[in-house]
Every structure is written in C-alpha cells, then in structure tokens.
Amino acid sequence: MADDGTATCIDIIVAILLPPLGVFLRYGCKVEFWICLLLTILGYLPGIIYAVYAITKN
C-alpha cells in the first residue's frame, strides 16, 4: 500500500487536473468539496488553488 506522501502527491495531481474530484477523493461530499466545486465553476484557477490547499492542510 502507498505511504501518505505518495497518496498526497497523487491527490495533488488529480486536484490540478480536476479540482473537485481531488477534494472529493480526500473528504467525500463534505463542505470542502462544495467550496471547491463553486470556486471551480467561478474560475478554474481558484478551484485549483483551493483544492491544493484543502488537500495539503492538516
């Protein structure tokens, strides 16, 4: 099984390609996902920034 560092790296790559999907894989259908989806609809770059932040925060 992959360690936490590898999983985070893969999550970040997915978050860059499809920001809501990366957040969904980490948190499920919680408030973080909905914020990321809204930001991605409003602009792709804010969605990426928030997704990477949400995935890397503790």
PDB file of N, CA and C in Angstrom:
ATOM      1  N   MET A   1       0.843  -1.177   0.000  1.00  0.00           N
ATOM      2  CA  MET A   1       0.000   0.000   0.000  1.00  0.00           C
ATOM      3  C   MET A   1       0.889   1.242   0.000  1.00  0.00           C
ATOM      4  N   ALA A   2       0.437   2.279  -0.644  1.00  0.00           N
ATOM      5  CA  ALA A   2       1.220   3.509  -0.766  1.00  0.00           C
ATOM      6  C   ALA A   2       1.273   4.242   0.570  1.00  0.00           C
ATOM      7  N   ASP A   3       2.408   4.910   0.802  1.00  0.00           N
ATOM      8  CA  ASP A   3       2.505   5.700   2.029  1.00  0.00           C
ATOM      9  C   ASP A   3       1.765   7.017   1.849  1.00  0.00           C
ATOM     10  N   ASP A   4       1.695   7.791   2.908  1.00  0.00           N
ATOM     11  CA  ASP A   4       0.899   9.026   2.898  1.00  0.00           C
ATOM     12  C   ASP A   4       1.462  10.065   1.929  1.00  0.00           C
ATOM     13  N   GLY A   5       2.787  10.130   1.778  1.00  0.00           N
ATOM     14  CA  GLY A   5       3.405  11.086   0.860  1.00  0.00           C
ATOM     15  C   GLY A   5       3.047  10.811  -0.584  1.00  0.00           C
ATOM     16  N   THR A   6       3.034   9.533  -0.964  1.00  0.00           N
ATOM     17  CA  THR A   6       2.673   9.174  -2.330  1.00  0.00           C
ATOM     18  C   THR A   6       1.202   9.457  -2.589  1.00  0.00           C
ATOM     19  N   ALA A   7       0.361   9.157  -1.621  1.00  0.00           N
ATOM     20  CA  ALA A   7      -1.071   9.422  -1.776  1.00  0.00           C
ATOM     21  C   ALA A   7      -1.325  10.913  -1.926  1.00  0.00           C
ATOM     22  N   THR A   8      -0.620  11.733  -1.152  1.00  0.00           N
ATOM     23  CA  THR A   8      -0.790  13.181  -1.264  1.00  0.00           C
ATOM     24  C   THR A   8      -0.334  13.680  -2.622  1.00  0.00           C
ATOM     25  N   CYS A   9       0.748  13.147  -3.136  1.00  0.00           N
ATOM     26  CA  CYS A   9       1.247  13.544  -4.454  1.00  0.00           C
ATOM     27  C   CYS A   9       0.225  13.205  -5.541  1.00  0.00           C
ATOM     28  N   ILE A  10      -0.339  12.037  -5.480  1.00  0.00           N
ATOM     29  CA  ILE A  10      -1.351  11.636  -6.466  1.00  0.00           C
ATOM     30  C   ILE A  10      -2.601  12.499  -6.324  1.00  0.00           C
ATOM     31  N   ASP A  11      -2.996  12.787  -5.086  1.00  0.00           N
ATOM     32  CA  ASP A  11      -4.158  13.659  -4.856  1.00  0.00           C
ATOM     33  C   ASP A  11      -3.929  15.052  -5.430  1.00  0.00           C
ATOM     34  N   ILE A  12      -2.732  15.570  -5.296  1.00  0.00           N
ATOM     35  CA  ILE A  12      -2.431  16.901  -5.834  1.00  0.00           C
ATOM     36  C   ILE A  12      -2.473  16.896  -7.355  1.00  0.00           C
ATOM     37  N   ILE A  13      -1.966  15.848  -7.976  1.00  0.00           N
ATOM     38  CA  ILE A  13      -2.016  15.756  -9.444  1.00  0.00           C
ATOM     39  C   ILE A  13      -3.470  15.708  -9.914  1.00  0.00           C
ATOM     40  N   VAL A  14      -4.296  14.925  -9.240  1.00  0.00           N
ATOM     41  CA  VAL A  14      -5.716  14.855  -9.592  1.00  0.00           C
ATOM     42  C   VAL A  14      -6.385  16.211  -9.354  1.00  0.00           C
ATOM     43  N   ALA A  15      -5.987  16.898  -8.271  1.00  0.00           N
ATOM     44  CA  ALA A  15      -6.573  18.202  -7.958  1.00  0.00           C
ATOM     45  C   ALA A  15      -6.213  19.245  -9.001  1.00  0.00           C
ATOM     46  N   ILE A  16      -5.064  19.132  -9.617  1.00  0.00           N
ATOM     47  CA  ILE A  16      -4.690  20.079 -10.676  1.00  0.00           C
ATOM     48  C   ILE A  16      -5.502  19.810 -11.942  1.00  0.00           C
ATOM     49  N   LEU A  17      -5.730  18.552 -12.239  1.00  0.00           N
ATOM     50  CA  LEU A  17      -6.489  18.209 -13.445  1.00  0.00           C
ATOM     51  C   LEU A  17      -7.989  18.462 -13.259  1.00  0.00           C
ATOM     52  N   LEU A  18      -8.544  17.977 -12.158  1.00  0.00           N
ATOM     53  CA  LEU A  18      -9.971  18.148 -11.847  1.00  0.00           C
ATOM     54  C   LEU A  18     -10.099  18.479 -10.356  1.00  0.00           C
ATOM     55  N   PRO A  19     -10.066  19.753 -10.011  1.00  0.00           N
ATOM     56  CA  PRO A  19     -10.031  20.140  -8.593  1.00  0.00           C
ATOM     57  C   PRO A  19     -11.135  19.540  -7.712  1.00  0.00           C
ATOM     58  N   PRO A  20     -12.404  19.551  -8.129  1.00  0.00           N
ATOM     59  CA  PRO A  20     -13.419  18.964  -7.235  1.00  0.00           C
ATOM     60  C   PRO A  20     -13.227  17.463  -7.009  1.00  0.00           C
ATOM     61  N   LEU A  21     -12.732  16.768  -8.003  1.00  0.00           N
ATOM     62  CA  LEU A  21     -12.513  15.329  -7.849  1.00  0.00           C
ATOM     63  C   LEU A  21     -11.416  15.046  -6.822  1.00  0.00           C
ATOM     64  N   GLY A  22     -10.344  15.826  -6.863  1.00  0.00           N
ATOM     65  CA  GLY A  22      -9.272  15.643  -5.890  1.00  0.00           C
ATOM     66  C   GLY A  22      -9.749  15.865  -4.470  1.00  0.00           C
ATOM     67  N   VAL A  23     -10.565  16.889  -4.265  1.00  0.00           N
ATOM     68  CA  VAL A  23     -11.098  17.171  -2.928  1.00  0.00           C
ATOM     69  C   VAL A  23     -12.116  16.101  -2.535  1.00  0.00           C
ATOM     70  N   PHE A  24     -12.916  15.650  -3.486  1.00  0.00           N
ATOM     71  CA  PHE A  24     -13.903  14.615  -3.196  1.00  0.00           C
ATOM     72  C   PHE A  24     -13.236  13.318  -2.756  1.00  0.00           C
ATOM     73  N   LEU A  25     -12.131  12.956  -3.411  1.00  0.00           N
ATOM     74  CA  LEU A  25     -11.431  11.733  -3.036  1.00  0.00           C
ATOM     75  C   LEU A  25     -10.857  11.818  -1.628  1.00  0.00           C
ATOM     76  N   ARG A  26     -10.519  13.012  -1.183  1.00  0.00           N
ATOM     77  CA  ARG A  26      -9.943  13.175   0.158  1.00  0.00           C
ATOM     78  C   ARG A  26     -11.028  13.314   1.229  1.00  0.00           C
ATOM     79  N   TYR A  27     -12.078  14.112   0.981  1.00  0.00           N
ATOM     80  CA  TYR A  27     -13.059  14.453   2.014  1.00  0.00           C
ATOM     81  C   TYR A  27     -14.445  13.862   1.799  1.00  0.00           C
ATOM     82  N   GLY A  28     -14.733  13.382   0.612  1.00  0.00           N
ATOM     83  CA  GLY A  28     -16.094  12.942   0.329  1.00  0.00           C
ATOM     84  C   GLY A  28     -16.964  14.155  -0.005  1.00  0.00           C
ATOM     85  N   CYS A  29     -18.237  14.035   0.249  1.00  0.00           N
ATOM     86  CA  CYS A  29     -19.184  15.087  -0.136  1.00  0.00           C
ATOM     87  C   CYS A  29     -19.430  16.059   1.008  1.00  0.00           C
ATOM     88  N   LYS A  30     -18.357  16.540   1.603  1.00  0.00           N
ATOM     89  CA  LYS A  30     -18.451  17.497   2.711  1.00  0.00           C
ATOM     90  C   LYS A  30     -18.334  18.917   2.177  1.00  0.00           C
ATOM     91  N   VAL A  31     -18.288  19.877   3.079  1.00  0.00           N
ATOM     92  CA  VAL A  31     -18.293  21.291   2.705  1.00  0.00           C
ATOM     93  C   VAL A  31     -17.060  21.659   1.873  1.00  0.00           C
ATOM     94  N   GLU A  32     -15.933  21.010   2.083  1.00  0.00           N
ATOM     95  CA  GLU A  32     -14.737  21.307   1.290  1.00  0.00           C
ATOM     96  C   GLU A  32     -14.976  21.041  -0.193  1.00  0.00           C
ATOM     97  N   PHE A  33     -15.682  19.961  -0.483  1.00  0.00           N
ATOM     98  CA  PHE A  33     -15.990  19.623  -1.876  1.00  0.00           C
ATOM     99  C   PHE A  33     -16.864  20.690  -2.519  1.00  0.00           C
ATOM    100  N   TRP A  34     -17.886  21.138  -1.800  1.00  0.00           N
ATOM    101  CA  TRP A  34     -18.809  22.122  -2.369  1.00  0.00           C
ATOM    102  C   TRP A  34     -18.137  23.472  -2.576  1.00  0.00           C
ATOM    103  N   ILE A  35     -17.252  23.853  -1.658  1.00  0.00           N
ATOM    104  CA  ILE A  35     -16.499  25.094  -1.843  1.00  0.00           C
ATOM    105  C   ILE A  35     -15.619  24.984  -3.074  1.00  0.00           C
ATOM    106  N   CYS A  36     -14.949  23.865  -3.227  1.00  0.00           N
ATOM    107  CA  CYS A  36     -14.074  23.675  -4.382  1.00  0.00           C
ATOM    108  C   CYS A  36     -14.876  23.660  -5.684  1.00  0.00           C
ATOM    109  N   LEU A  37     -16.021  23.023  -5.677  1.00  0.00           N
ATOM    110  CA  LEU A  37     -16.867  22.989  -6.874  1.00  0.00           C
ATOM    111  C   LEU A  37     -17.317  24.390  -7.263  1.00  0.00           C
ATOM    112  N   LEU A  38     -17.737  25.181  -6.294  1.00  0.00           N
ATOM    113  CA  LEU A  38     -18.164  26.557  -6.554  1.00  0.00           C
ATOM    114  C   LEU A  38     -17.008  27.387  -7.098  1.00  0.00           C
ATOM    115  N   LEU A  39     -15.837  27.279  -6.480  1.00  0.00           N
ATOM    116  CA  LEU A  39     -14.679  28.042  -6.953  1.00  0.00           C
ATOM    117  C   LEU A  39     -14.260  27.608  -8.353  1.00  0.00           C
ATOM    118  N   THR A  40     -14.372  26.315  -8.652  1.00  0.00           N
ATOM    119  CA  THR A  40     -14.010  25.836  -9.983  1.00  0.00           C
ATOM    120  C   THR A  40     -15.000  26.339 -11.026  1.00  0.00           C
ATOM    121  N   ILE A  41     -16.269  26.423 -10.678  1.00  0.00           N
ATOM    122  CA  ILE A  41     -17.258  26.967 -11.611  1.00  0.00           C
ATOM    123  C   ILE A  41     -16.989  28.444 -11.862  1.00  0.00           C
ATOM    124  N   LEU A  42     -16.618  29.171 -10.807  1.00  0.00           N
ATOM    125  CA  LEU A  42     -16.343  30.598 -10.957  1.00  0.00           C
ATOM    126  C   LEU A  42     -15.031  30.865 -11.694  1.00  0.00           C
ATOM    127  N   GLY A  43     -14.102  29.961 -11.588  1.00  0.00           N
ATOM    128  CA  GLY A  43     -12.814  30.107 -12.272  1.00  0.00           C
ATOM    129  C   GLY A  43     -11.950  28.904 -11.982  1.00  0.00           C
ATOM    130  N   TYR A  44     -11.324  28.384 -13.004  1.00  0.00           N
ATOM    131  CA  TYR A  44     -10.556  27.156 -12.853  1.00  0.00           C
ATOM    132  C   TYR A  44      -9.375  27.330 -11.897  1.00  0.00           C
ATOM    133  N   LEU A  45      -8.681  28.446 -11.980  1.00  0.00           N
ATOM    134  CA  LEU A  45      -7.502  28.674 -11.141  1.00  0.00           C
ATOM    135  C   LEU A  45      -7.857  28.764  -9.649  1.00  0.00           C
ATOM    136  N   PRO A  46      -8.904  29.499  -9.247  1.00  0.00           N
ATOM    137  CA  PRO A  46      -9.257  29.477  -7.819  1.00  0.00           C
ATOM    138  C   PRO A  46      -9.620  28.075  -7.318  1.00  0.00           C
ATOM    139  N   GLY A  47     -10.224  27.279  -8.170  1.00  0.00           N
ATOM    140  CA  GLY A  47     -10.544  25.897  -7.794  1.00  0.00           C
ATOM    141  C   GLY A  47      -9.294  25.074  -7.547  1.00  0.00           C
ATOM    142  N   ILE A  48      -8.288  25.254  -8.392  1.00  0.00           N
ATOM    143  CA  ILE A  48      -7.027  24.528  -8.218  1.00  0.00           C
ATOM    144  C   ILE A  48      -6.337  24.968  -6.934  1.00  0.00           C
ATOM    145  N   ILE A  49      -6.278  26.268  -6.718  1.00  0.00           N
ATOM    146  CA  ILE A  49      -5.601  26.785  -5.519  1.00  0.00           C
ATOM    147  C   ILE A  49      -6.277  26.255  -4.260  1.00  0.00           C
ATOM    148  N   TYR A  50      -7.591  26.309  -4.215  1.00  0.00           N
ATOM    149  CA  TYR A  50      -8.290  25.818  -3.030  1.00  0.00           C
ATOM    150  C   TYR A  50      -8.125  24.310  -2.868  1.00  0.00           C
ATOM    151  N   ALA A  51      -8.170  23.567  -3.965  1.00  0.00           N
ATOM    152  CA  ALA A  51      -8.042  22.116  -3.888  1.00  0.00           C
ATOM    153  C   ALA A  51      -6.681  21.716  -3.330  1.00  0.00           C
ATOM    154  N   VAL A  52      -5.638  22.353  -3.816  1.00  0.00           N
ATOM    155  CA  VAL A  52      -4.291  22.026  -3.315  1.00  0.00           C
ATOM    156  C   VAL A  52      -4.188  22.413  -1.834  1.00  0.00           C
ATOM    157  N   TYR A  53      -4.746  23.557  -1.465  1.00  0.00           N
ATOM    158  CA  TYR A  53      -4.742  23.962  -0.061  1.00  0.00           C
ATOM    159  C   TYR A  53      -5.510  22.961   0.800  1.00  0.00           C
ATOM    160  N   ALA A  54      -6.691  22.569   0.364  1.00  0.00           N
ATOM    161  CA  ALA A  54      -7.514  21.656   1.158  1.00  0.00           C
ATOM    162  C   ALA A  54      -6.855  20.285   1.313  1.00  0.00           C
ATOM    163  N   ILE A  55      -6.166  19.830   0.286  1.00  0.00           N
ATOM    164  CA  ILE A  55      -5.526  18.530   0.352  1.00  0.00           C
ATOM    165  C   ILE A  55      -4.285  18.557   1.233  1.00  0.00           C
ATOM    166  N   THR A  56      -3.539  19.659   1.210  1.00  0.00           N
ATOM    167  CA  THR A  56      -2.287  19.687   1.964  1.00  0.00           C
ATOM    168  C   THR A  56      -2.438  20.167   3.397  1.00  0.00           C
ATOM    169  N   LYS A  57      -3.578  20.758   3.758  1.00  0.00           N
ATOM    170  CA  LYS A  57      -3.736  21.201   5.154  1.00  0.00           C
ATOM    171  C   LYS A  57      -3.902  19.988   6.061  1.00  0.00           C
ATOM    172  N   ASN A  58      -3.573  20.162   7.316  1.00  0.00           N
ATOM    173  CA  ASN A  58      -3.676  19.036   8.266  1.00  0.00           C
ATOM    174  C   ASN A  58      -5.032  18.954   8.883  1.00  0.00           C
TER     175      ASN A  58
END
